[in-house]
Amino acid sequence: MQVVMKLALLLGVICVTVPLTDLKGSGTSSTTCHERIAGCGQFPVSDGAMKARCKLNKGKCMFACTFSCKNKMSRSTRKKDMYVCKDNEWQLAPRGYCIADNFPVKEVRQSSTYPEMMNRLIKKLLTSSYKYLAMASFYRRADVALPGFVKLMTSLFEKEQNFARDAIAYLLERGESLVLEDINRPTDHEDLLIHLGERTGKLGLERALTETKSLNEYVLKTIATASTDPSDPHRRHFLEDGLLDYKVTTIKRLADLQHRLETFHSSEDYFIGEYRMDLELRE
């Protein structure tokens, strides 16, 4: 009896088979492994851009897959992909993938200076927006009920999203290559939930301020790098007049709000102050 792994590809189907005897083995640990993967059924690895060779790692109870990419595709991976049966489905970590060879558009390309930094900036903007969305979701909970803080975090989320879109448009207008990367799941919602009933307004402001300052430092670094190229003042103008001005203003605003909450030392005074601040933020 065999477990059949079907890989659906654009140019046909490749099937890789692994005997079930390889999964069962003869020891207790092998039987446990077989039971763990039984709920997942057939091992699915499907990606139209790649071919794969997979082998069961009995010790880790995972499938190890080595991928090859089609012509005009380049391999992007950190190490061999491992698939583990978890919650009755096959999950992949870390992720490997095939991407099309990324090249600029020569007809409109104006400068080849530092497109990697702009792509990293786009990822950082999207990562920050995800964090603000997570915190806005926390403040929207019925047992937290701080609509003013929801409005603040949602505004920060939308701003970062808009800046990311503007940066993508700017990059493509200059004929550069856009490289989209995975965005890690933020833990801010869970971290705030751990402190439910405590000074979560202040904690959220601290996190937002730290995130904004971190991104601002990267913007300054990108501007400094662009400044070394006298032939590319347009990139510096794009960063300074839009993103940098907003970051400076936002850092000051968040710091002011955080300082106001820090002045309330007793718990009773703090929650009154937090409520009044929430009323202000709703306006």
C-alpha atoms as a PDB file:
ATOM      1  CA  MET A   1       0.000   0.000   0.000  1.00  0.00           C
ATOM      2  CA  GLN A   2       1.327   3.426  -0.832  1.00  0.00           C
ATOM      3  CA  VAL A   3       0.806   7.066   0.026  1.00  0.00           C
ATOM      4  CA  VAL A   4       0.699   8.982  -3.256  1.00  0.00           C
ATOM      5  CA  MET A   5       1.966  12.545  -3.337  1.00  0.00           C
ATOM      6  CA  LYS A   6       0.588  14.432  -6.325  1.00  0.00           C
ATOM      7  CA  LEU A   7       2.270  17.606  -7.476  1.00  0.00           C
ATOM      8  CA  ALA A   8       0.089  19.648  -9.830  1.00  0.00           C
ATOM      9  CA  LEU A   9       2.223  21.593 -12.290  1.00  0.00           C
ATOM     10  CA  LEU A  10       1.454  23.921 -15.159  1.00  0.00           C
ATOM     11  CA  LEU A  11       3.090  21.557 -17.642  1.00  0.00           C
ATOM     12  CA  GLY A  12       1.797  18.238 -16.305  1.00  0.00           C
ATOM     13  CA  VAL A  13       1.591  16.174 -13.137  1.00  0.00           C
ATOM     14  CA  ILE A  14       4.470  14.550 -11.277  1.00  0.00           C
ATOM     15  CA  CYS A  15       3.631  11.827  -8.753  1.00  0.00           C
ATOM     16  CA  VAL A  16       6.014  10.821  -5.988  1.00  0.00           C
ATOM     17  CA  THR A  17       5.208   7.665  -4.033  1.00  0.00           C
ATOM     18  CA  VAL A  18       6.324   6.714  -0.553  1.00  0.00           C
ATOM     19  CA  PRO A  19       5.575   3.150   0.693  1.00  0.00           C
ATOM     20  CA  LEU A  20       3.458   3.034   3.834  1.00  0.00           C
ATOM     21  CA  THR A  21       5.904   0.515   5.237  1.00  0.00           C
ATOM     22  CA  ASP A  22       8.394   3.350   5.397  1.00  0.00           C
ATOM     23  CA  LEU A  23       5.951   5.239   7.595  1.00  0.00           C
ATOM     24  CA  LYS A  24       5.029   2.393   9.908  1.00  0.00           C
ATOM     25  CA  GLY A  25       8.445   0.951  10.643  1.00  0.00           C
ATOM     26  CA  SER A  26       8.763  -1.522  13.468  1.00  0.00           C
ATOM     27  CA  GLY A  27       9.143   0.584  16.629  1.00  0.00           C
ATOM     28  CA  THR A  28       6.724   2.463  18.860  1.00  0.00           C
ATOM     29  CA  SER A  29       7.984   5.866  17.707  1.00  0.00           C
ATOM     30  CA  SER A  30       7.350   4.909  14.056  1.00  0.00           C
ATOM     31  CA  THR A  31       3.808   3.813  14.896  1.00  0.00           C
ATOM     32  CA  THR A  32       3.235   7.110  16.673  1.00  0.00           C
ATOM     33  CA  CYS A  33       4.521   8.959  13.634  1.00  0.00           C
ATOM     34  CA  HIS A  34       2.169   6.992  11.396  1.00  0.00           C
ATOM     35  CA  GLU A  35      -0.768   7.853  13.637  1.00  0.00           C
ATOM     36  CA  ARG A  36       0.190  11.528  13.637  1.00  0.00           C
ATOM     37  CA  ILE A  37       0.218  11.798   9.859  1.00  0.00           C
ATOM     38  CA  ALA A  38      -2.783   9.539   9.247  1.00  0.00           C
ATOM     39  CA  GLY A  39      -5.249  12.387   9.774  1.00  0.00           C
ATOM     40  CA  CYS A  40      -3.702  14.414   6.989  1.00  0.00           C
ATOM     41  CA  GLY A  41      -4.419  11.824   4.307  1.00  0.00           C
ATOM     42  CA  GLN A  42      -2.453  12.116   1.097  1.00  0.00           C
ATOM     43  CA  PHE A  43       0.591  14.327   1.238  1.00  0.00           C
ATOM     44  CA  PRO A  44      -0.223  17.414  -0.890  1.00  0.00           C
ATOM     45  CA  VAL A  45       2.460  19.630  -2.284  1.00  0.00           C
ATOM     46  CA  SER A  46       1.002  21.728  -5.054  1.00  0.00           C
ATOM     47  CA  ASP A  47       2.656  24.620  -6.818  1.00  0.00           C
ATOM     48  CA  GLY A  48       2.403  25.212 -10.526  1.00  0.00           C
ATOM     49  CA  ALA A  49       5.829  26.815 -10.650  1.00  0.00           C
ATOM     50  CA  MET A  50       7.959  24.000  -9.267  1.00  0.00           C
ATOM     51  CA  LYS A  51       8.767  20.296  -9.230  1.00  0.00           C
ATOM     52  CA  ALA A  52       9.647  18.487  -6.023  1.00  0.00           C
ATOM     53  CA  ARG A  53      11.377  15.398  -4.670  1.00  0.00           C
ATOM     54  CA  CYS A  54      10.099  14.492  -1.209  1.00  0.00           C
ATOM     55  CA  LYS A  55      11.248  11.972   1.389  1.00  0.00           C
ATOM     56  CA  LEU A  56       9.874  11.113   4.817  1.00  0.00           C
ATOM     57  CA  ASN A  57      12.147  11.963   7.729  1.00  0.00           C
ATOM     58  CA  LYS A  58      11.132   9.264  10.209  1.00  0.00           C
ATOM     59  CA  GLY A  59      12.995  10.800  13.124  1.00  0.00           C
ATOM     60  CA  LYS A  60      11.181  14.141  12.819  1.00  0.00           C
ATOM     61  CA  CYS A  61       8.023  12.661  11.282  1.00  0.00           C
ATOM     62  CA  MET A  62       8.228  15.191   8.445  1.00  0.00           C
ATOM     63  CA  PHE A  63       8.464  15.122   4.679  1.00  0.00           C
ATOM     64  CA  ALA A  64      11.614  16.805   3.374  1.00  0.00           C
ATOM     65  CA  CYS A  65      11.183  18.200  -0.128  1.00  0.00           C
ATOM     66  CA  THR A  66      13.756  19.514  -2.562  1.00  0.00           C
ATOM     67  CA  PHE A  67      12.297  21.714  -5.277  1.00  0.00           C
ATOM     68  CA  SER A  68      13.499  22.564  -8.748  1.00  0.00           C
ATOM     69  CA  CYS A  69      12.167  25.522 -10.685  1.00  0.00           C
ATOM     70  CA  LYS A  70      11.124  25.788 -14.297  1.00  0.00           C
ATOM     71  CA  ASN A  71      13.049  27.777 -16.884  1.00  0.00           C
ATOM     72  CA  LYS A  72      13.115  31.533 -16.311  1.00  0.00           C
ATOM     73  CA  MET A  73      12.467  30.935 -12.623  1.00  0.00           C
ATOM     74  CA  SER A  74      14.902  31.410  -9.765  1.00  0.00           C
ATOM     75  CA  ARG A  75      14.997  29.516  -6.488  1.00  0.00           C
ATOM     76  CA  SER A  76      14.392  31.466  -3.280  1.00  0.00           C
ATOM     77  CA  THR A  77      14.690  29.480  -0.062  1.00  0.00           C
ATOM     78  CA  ARG A  78      16.441  29.400   3.284  1.00  0.00           C
ATOM     79  CA  LYS A  79      16.906  25.657   3.554  1.00  0.00           C
ATOM     80  CA  LYS A  80      15.198  22.416   2.624  1.00  0.00           C
ATOM     81  CA  ASP A  81      11.440  22.590   3.053  1.00  0.00           C
ATOM     82  CA  MET A  82       9.935  20.465   5.810  1.00  0.00           C
ATOM     83  CA  TYR A  83       6.268  19.455   5.952  1.00  0.00           C
ATOM     84  CA  VAL A  84       4.712  18.341   9.232  1.00  0.00           C
ATOM     85  CA  CYS A  85       1.220  17.016   9.923  1.00  0.00           C
ATOM     86  CA  LYS A  86      -0.382  19.441  12.379  1.00  0.00           C
ATOM     87  CA  ASP A  87      -4.072  19.951  13.157  1.00  0.00           C
ATOM     88  CA  ASN A  88      -4.934  17.407  10.465  1.00  0.00           C
ATOM     89  CA  GLU A  89      -3.271  19.323   7.652  1.00  0.00           C
ATOM     90  CA  TRP A  90       0.183  19.503   6.118  1.00  0.00           C
ATOM     91  CA  GLN A  91       2.033  22.629   7.173  1.00  0.00           C
ATOM     92  CA  LEU A  92       5.242  23.983   5.700  1.00  0.00           C
ATOM     93  CA  ALA A  93       8.107  25.617   7.578  1.00  0.00           C
ATOM     94  CA  PRO A  94      10.273  27.310   6.546  1.00  0.00           C
ATOM     95  CA  ARG A  95       8.846  28.274   3.214  1.00  0.00           C
ATOM     96  CA  GLY A  96      10.624  27.806  -0.079  1.00  0.00           C
ATOM     97  CA  TYR A  97       9.253  29.000  -3.380  1.00  0.00           C
ATOM     98  CA  CYS A  98      10.017  29.687  -7.006  1.00  0.00           C
ATOM     99  CA  ILE A  99       9.830  33.197  -8.387  1.00  0.00           C
ATOM    100  CA  ALA A 100      10.095  34.584 -11.874  1.00  0.00           C
ATOM    101  CA  ASP A 101      13.437  36.136 -12.696  1.00  0.00           C
ATOM    102  CA  ASN A 102      12.949  39.712 -11.572  1.00  0.00           C
ATOM    103  CA  PHE A 103      14.297  42.334 -13.912  1.00  0.00           C
ATOM    104  CA  PRO A 104      13.739  46.092 -14.270  1.00  0.00           C
ATOM    105  CA  VAL A 105      11.908  47.735 -17.165  1.00  0.00           C
ATOM    106  CA  LYS A 106      14.728  49.272 -19.149  1.00  0.00           C
ATOM    107  CA  GLU A 107      12.464  51.662 -21.098  1.00  0.00           C
ATOM    108  CA  VAL A 108      11.526  53.646 -17.973  1.00  0.00           C
ATOM    109  CA  ARG A 109      14.322  52.798 -15.543  1.00  0.00           C
ATOM    110  CA  GLN A 110      15.939  56.027 -14.373  1.00  0.00           C
ATOM    111  CA  SER A 111      18.435  54.818 -11.804  1.00  0.00           C
ATOM    112  CA  SER A 112      19.612  51.452 -10.536  1.00  0.00           C
ATOM    113  CA  THR A 113      20.473  52.853  -7.128  1.00  0.00           C
ATOM    114  CA  TYR A 114      19.277  50.939  -4.064  1.00  0.00           C
ATOM    115  CA  PRO A 115      16.042  49.229  -5.228  1.00  0.00           C
ATOM    116  CA  GLU A 116      16.676  46.615  -2.512  1.00  0.00           C
ATOM    117  CA  MET A 117      16.310  49.249   0.207  1.00  0.00           C
ATOM    118  CA  MET A 118      13.018  50.436  -1.250  1.00  0.00           C
ATOM    119  CA  ASN A 119      11.709  46.873  -1.358  1.00  0.00           C
ATOM    120  CA  ARG A 120      12.725  46.374   2.282  1.00  0.00           C
ATOM    121  CA  LEU A 121      10.994  49.647   3.147  1.00  0.00           C
ATOM    122  CA  ILE A 122       7.779  48.381   1.556  1.00  0.00           C
ATOM    123  CA  LYS A 123       7.964  45.195   3.628  1.00  0.00           C
ATOM    124  CA  LYS A 124       8.582  47.191   6.818  1.00  0.00           C
ATOM    125  CA  LEU A 125       5.590  49.436   6.084  1.00  0.00           C
ATOM    126  CA  LEU A 126       3.315  46.449   5.553  1.00  0.00           C
ATOM    127  CA  THR A 127       4.674  44.756   8.689  1.00  0.00           C
ATOM    128  CA  SER A 128       3.986  47.888  10.749  1.00  0.00           C
ATOM    129  CA  SER A 129       0.471  48.176   9.362  1.00  0.00           C
ATOM    130  CA  TYR A 130      -0.194  44.572  10.398  1.00  0.00           C
ATOM    131  CA  LYS A 131       0.922  45.369  13.958  1.00  0.00           C
ATOM    132  CA  TYR A 132      -1.378  48.399  14.174  1.00  0.00           C
ATOM    133  CA  LEU A 133      -4.282  46.344  12.829  1.00  0.00           C
ATOM    134  CA  ALA A 134      -3.656  43.726  15.530  1.00  0.00           C
ATOM    135  CA  MET A 135      -3.723  46.378  18.266  1.00  0.00           C
ATOM    136  CA  ALA A 136      -6.844  48.028  16.833  1.00  0.00           C
ATOM    137  CA  SER A 137      -8.555  44.632  16.963  1.00  0.00           C
ATOM    138  CA  PHE A 138      -7.637  44.277  20.640  1.00  0.00           C
ATOM    139  CA  TYR A 139      -9.106  47.655  21.609  1.00  0.00           C
ATOM    140  CA  ARG A 140     -12.308  46.770  19.744  1.00  0.00           C
ATOM    141  CA  ARG A 141     -12.990  43.803  22.064  1.00  0.00           C
ATOM    142  CA  ALA A 142     -16.150  44.154  24.165  1.00  0.00           C
ATOM    143  CA  ASP A 143     -14.170  43.614  27.373  1.00  0.00           C
ATOM    144  CA  VAL A 144     -11.749  46.424  26.433  1.00  0.00           C
ATOM    145  CA  ALA A 145     -14.062  48.872  24.629  1.00  0.00           C
ATOM    146  CA  LEU A 146     -11.724  51.759  23.843  1.00  0.00           C
ATOM    147  CA  PRO A 147     -13.082  53.096  20.525  1.00  0.00           C
ATOM    148  CA  GLY A 148     -10.767  56.092  20.636  1.00  0.00           C
ATOM    149  CA  PHE A 149      -7.729  53.826  20.687  1.00  0.00           C
ATOM    150  CA  VAL A 150      -9.342  51.763  17.914  1.00  0.00           C
ATOM    151  CA  LYS A 151      -9.556  54.926  15.822  1.00  0.00           C
ATOM    152  CA  LEU A 152      -5.932  55.838  16.566  1.00  0.00           C
ATOM    153  CA  MET A 153      -4.517  52.415  15.689  1.00  0.00           C
ATOM    154  CA  THR A 154      -6.732  52.120  12.616  1.00  0.00           C
ATOM    155  CA  SER A 155      -5.465  55.490  11.426  1.00  0.00           C
ATOM    156  CA  LEU A 156      -1.863  54.333  11.871  1.00  0.00           C
ATOM    157  CA  PHE A 157      -2.699  51.116  10.007  1.00  0.00           C
ATOM    158  CA  GLU A 158      -4.248  52.984   7.082  1.00  0.00           C
ATOM    159  CA  LYS A 159      -1.348  55.436   6.851  1.00  0.00           C
ATOM    160  CA  GLU A 160       1.221  52.661   6.635  1.00  0.00           C
ATOM    161  CA  GLN A 161      -0.866  50.882   4.019  1.00  0.00           C
ATOM    162  CA  ASN A 162      -1.099  54.062   1.961  1.00  0.00           C
ATOM    163  CA  PHE A 163       2.638  54.700   2.216  1.00  0.00           C
ATOM    164  CA  ALA A 164       3.324  51.114   1.147  1.00  0.00           C
ATOM    165  CA  ARG A 165       1.085  51.542  -1.898  1.00  0.00           C
ATOM    166  CA  ASP A 166       2.762  54.848  -2.742  1.00  0.00           C
ATOM    167  CA  ALA A 167       6.203  53.251  -2.419  1.00  0.00           C
ATOM    168  CA  ILE A 168       5.168  50.391  -4.702  1.00  0.00           C
ATOM    169  CA  ALA A 169       3.813  52.840  -7.281  1.00  0.00           C
ATOM    170  CA  TYR A 170       6.984  54.926  -7.027  1.00  0.00           C
ATOM    171  CA  LEU A 171       9.195  51.880  -7.486  1.00  0.00           C
ATOM    172  CA  LEU A 172       7.307  50.705 -10.559  1.00  0.00           C
ATOM    173  CA  GLU A 173       7.129  54.184 -12.081  1.00  0.00           C
ATOM    174  CA  ARG A 174      10.911  54.206 -12.054  1.00  0.00           C
ATOM    175  CA  GLY A 175      11.031  50.831 -13.764  1.00  0.00           C
ATOM    176  CA  GLU A 176      12.432  48.937 -10.780  1.00  0.00           C
ATOM    177  CA  SER A 177      11.545  45.385  -9.757  1.00  0.00           C
ATOM    178  CA  LEU A 178       9.015  44.829  -6.982  1.00  0.00           C
ATOM    179  CA  VAL A 179       9.932  41.960  -4.646  1.00  0.00           C
ATOM    180  CA  LEU A 180       7.103  40.905  -2.326  1.00  0.00           C
ATOM    181  CA  GLU A 181       8.064  38.916   0.763  1.00  0.00           C
ATOM    182  CA  ASP A 182       6.239  37.064   3.533  1.00  0.00           C
ATOM    183  CA  ILE A 183       4.879  39.192   6.380  1.00  0.00           C
ATOM    184  CA  ASN A 184       5.220  37.597   9.809  1.00  0.00           C
ATOM    185  CA  ARG A 185       2.178  37.320  12.035  1.00  0.00           C
ATOM    186  CA  PRO A 186       2.235  40.027  14.735  1.00  0.00           C
ATOM    187  CA  THR A 187       1.925  38.993  18.370  1.00  0.00           C
ATOM    188  CA  ASP A 188       0.711  42.373  19.601  1.00  0.00           C
ATOM    189  CA  HIS A 189      -2.921  41.295  19.992  1.00  0.00           C
ATOM    190  CA  GLU A 190      -1.961  38.331  22.161  1.00  0.00           C
ATOM    191  CA  ASP A 191       0.593  40.357  24.118  1.00  0.00           C
ATOM    192  CA  LEU A 192      -2.018  42.987  24.963  1.00  0.00           C
ATOM    193  CA  LEU A 193      -4.525  40.274  25.821  1.00  0.00           C
ATOM    194  CA  ILE A 194      -2.126  38.908  28.440  1.00  0.00           C
ATOM    195  CA  HIS A 195      -2.365  42.304  30.179  1.00  0.00           C
ATOM    196  CA  LEU A 196      -6.158  42.553  29.894  1.00  0.00           C
ATOM    197  CA  GLY A 197      -7.512  44.677  32.728  1.00  0.00           C
ATOM    198  CA  GLU A 198      -4.175  46.417  33.217  1.00  0.00           C
ATOM    199  CA  ARG A 199      -2.814  49.604  31.603  1.00  0.00           C
ATOM    200  CA  THR A 200      -3.347  48.427  28.044  1.00  0.00           C
ATOM    201  CA  GLY A 201      -3.803  51.924  26.636  1.00  0.00           C
ATOM    202  CA  LYS A 202      -0.332  52.916  27.785  1.00  0.00           C
ATOM    203  CA  LEU A 203       1.139  49.597  26.636  1.00  0.00           C
ATOM    204  CA  GLY A 204      -0.339  50.003  23.157  1.00  0.00           C
ATOM    205  CA  LEU A 205       1.048  53.529  22.867  1.00  0.00           C
ATOM    206  CA  GLU A 206       4.484  52.282  23.907  1.00  0.00           C
ATOM    207  CA  ARG A 207       4.385  49.587  21.229  1.00  0.00           C
ATOM    208  CA  ALA A 208       3.149  51.999  18.564  1.00  0.00           C
ATOM    209  CA  LEU A 209       5.852  54.525  19.466  1.00  0.00           C
ATOM    210  CA  THR A 210       8.587  51.885  19.359  1.00  0.00           C
ATOM    211  CA  GLU A 211       7.384  50.634  15.972  1.00  0.00           C
ATOM    212  CA  THR A 212       7.145  54.146  14.525  1.00  0.00           C
ATOM    213  CA  LYS A 213      10.626  55.093  15.744  1.00  0.00           C
ATOM    214  CA  SER A 214      12.101  51.881  14.367  1.00  0.00           C
ATOM    215  CA  LEU A 215      10.613  52.503  10.934  1.00  0.00           C
ATOM    216  CA  ASN A 216      11.680  56.146  11.065  1.00  0.00           C
ATOM    217  CA  GLU A 217      15.283  55.061  11.654  1.00  0.00           C
ATOM    218  CA  TYR A 218      15.146  52.917   8.537  1.00  0.00           C
ATOM    219  CA  VAL A 219      13.675  55.806   6.535  1.00  0.00           C
ATOM    220  CA  LEU A 220      16.541  58.036   7.709  1.00  0.00           C
ATOM    221  CA  LYS A 221      19.026  55.343   6.744  1.00  0.00           C
ATOM    222  CA  THR A 222      17.453  55.063   3.292  1.00  0.00           C
ATOM    223  CA  ILE A 223      17.545  58.844   2.860  1.00  0.00           C
ATOM    224  CA  ALA A 224      21.193  58.969   3.925  1.00  0.00           C
ATOM    225  CA  THR A 225      22.032  56.284   1.393  1.00  0.00           C
ATOM    226  CA  ALA A 226      20.126  58.095  -1.349  1.00  0.00           C
ATOM    227  CA  SER A 227      21.949  61.316  -0.448  1.00  0.00           C
ATOM    228  CA  THR A 228      25.267  59.784  -1.454  1.00  0.00           C
ATOM    229  CA  ASP A 229      24.015  59.566  -5.040  1.00  0.00           C
ATOM    230  CA  PRO A 230      23.842  63.115  -6.460  1.00  0.00           C
ATOM    231  CA  SER A 231      22.124  61.798  -9.570  1.00  0.00           C
ATOM    232  CA  ASP A 232      19.033  60.668  -7.641  1.00  0.00           C
ATOM    233  CA  PRO A 233      17.463  63.603  -5.763  1.00  0.00           C
ATOM    234  CA  HIS A 234      13.983  62.386  -6.674  1.00  0.00           C
ATOM    235  CA  ARG A 235      14.179  59.404  -4.319  1.00  0.00           C
ATOM    236  CA  ARG A 236      15.225  61.600  -1.416  1.00  0.00           C
ATOM    237  CA  HIS A 237      12.407  64.044  -2.164  1.00  0.00           C
ATOM    238  CA  PHE A 238       9.876  61.195  -2.175  1.00  0.00           C
ATOM    239  CA  LEU A 239      11.030  59.949   1.233  1.00  0.00           C
ATOM    240  CA  GLU A 240      11.507  63.300   2.977  1.00  0.00           C
ATOM    241  CA  ASP A 241       8.389  65.185   1.913  1.00  0.00           C
ATOM    242  CA  GLY A 242       5.965  62.343   2.512  1.00  0.00           C
ATOM    243  CA  LEU A 243       7.023  59.569   4.812  1.00  0.00           C
ATOM    244  CA  LEU A 244       9.617  61.329   6.963  1.00  0.00           C
ATOM    245  CA  ASP A 245       7.430  64.346   7.778  1.00  0.00           C
ATOM    246  CA  TYR A 246       4.607  62.061   8.844  1.00  0.00           C
ATOM    247  CA  LYS A 247       6.867  59.920  11.011  1.00  0.00           C
ATOM    248  CA  VAL A 248       8.287  62.917  12.870  1.00  0.00           C
ATOM    249  CA  THR A 249       4.782  64.231  13.594  1.00  0.00           C
ATOM    250  CA  THR A 250       3.504  60.805  14.645  1.00  0.00           C
ATOM    251  CA  ILE A 251       6.416  60.164  17.004  1.00  0.00           C
ATOM    252  CA  LYS A 252       5.714  63.468  18.779  1.00  0.00           C
ATOM    253  CA  ARG A 253       1.995  62.745  19.040  1.00  0.00           C
ATOM    254  CA  LEU A 254       2.427  59.214  20.404  1.00  0.00           C
ATOM    255  CA  ALA A 255       5.088  60.355  22.874  1.00  0.00           C
ATOM    256  CA  ASP A 256       2.776  63.100  24.159  1.00  0.00           C
ATOM    257  CA  LEU A 257      -0.073  60.635  24.674  1.00  0.00           C
ATOM    258  CA  GLN A 258       2.189  58.139  26.404  1.00  0.00           C
ATOM    259  CA  HIS A 259       3.618  60.781  28.735  1.00  0.00           C
ATOM    260  CA  ARG A 260       0.143  61.923  29.760  1.00  0.00           C
ATOM    261  CA  LEU A 261      -0.809  58.399  30.821  1.00  0.00           C
ATOM    262  CA  GLU A 262       2.487  57.971  32.672  1.00  0.00           C
ATOM    263  CA  THR A 263       1.577  60.881  34.961  1.00  0.00           C
ATOM    264  CA  PHE A 264      -1.234  58.822  36.497  1.00  0.00           C
ATOM    265  CA  HIS A 265       0.417  56.757  39.218  1.00  0.00           C
ATOM    266  CA  SER A 266      -2.503  55.158  41.049  1.00  0.00           C
ATOM    267  CA  SER A 267      -4.676  52.639  39.241  1.00  0.00           C
ATOM    268  CA  GLU A 268      -7.847  54.621  39.912  1.00  0.00           C
ATOM    269  CA  ASP A 269      -6.386  57.815  38.456  1.00  0.00           C
ATOM    270  CA  TYR A 270      -4.922  55.934  35.503  1.00  0.00           C
ATOM    271  CA  PHE A 271      -8.198  54.400  34.324  1.00  0.00           C
ATOM    272  CA  ILE A 272      -9.963  57.758  34.624  1.00  0.00           C
ATOM    273  CA  GLY A 273      -7.175  59.346  32.581  1.00  0.00           C
ATOM    274  CA  GLU A 274      -7.280  56.536  30.019  1.00  0.00           C
ATOM    275  CA  TYR A 275     -11.043  56.970  29.633  1.00  0.00           C
ATOM    276  CA  ARG A 276     -10.731  60.732  29.123  1.00  0.00           C
ATOM    277  CA  MET A 277      -7.976  60.208  26.565  1.00  0.00           C
ATOM    278  CA  ASP A 278     -10.138  57.686  24.746  1.00  0.00           C
ATOM    279  CA  LEU A 279     -12.911  60.288  24.540  1.00  0.00           C
ATOM    280  CA  GLU A 280     -10.446  62.756  22.980  1.00  0.00           C
ATOM    281  CA  LEU A 281      -9.225  60.208  20.456  1.00  0.00           C
ATOM    282  CA  ARG A 282     -12.788  59.532  19.298  1.00  0.00           C
ATOM    283  CA  GLU A 283     -13.144  63.099  17.979  1.00  0.00           C
END
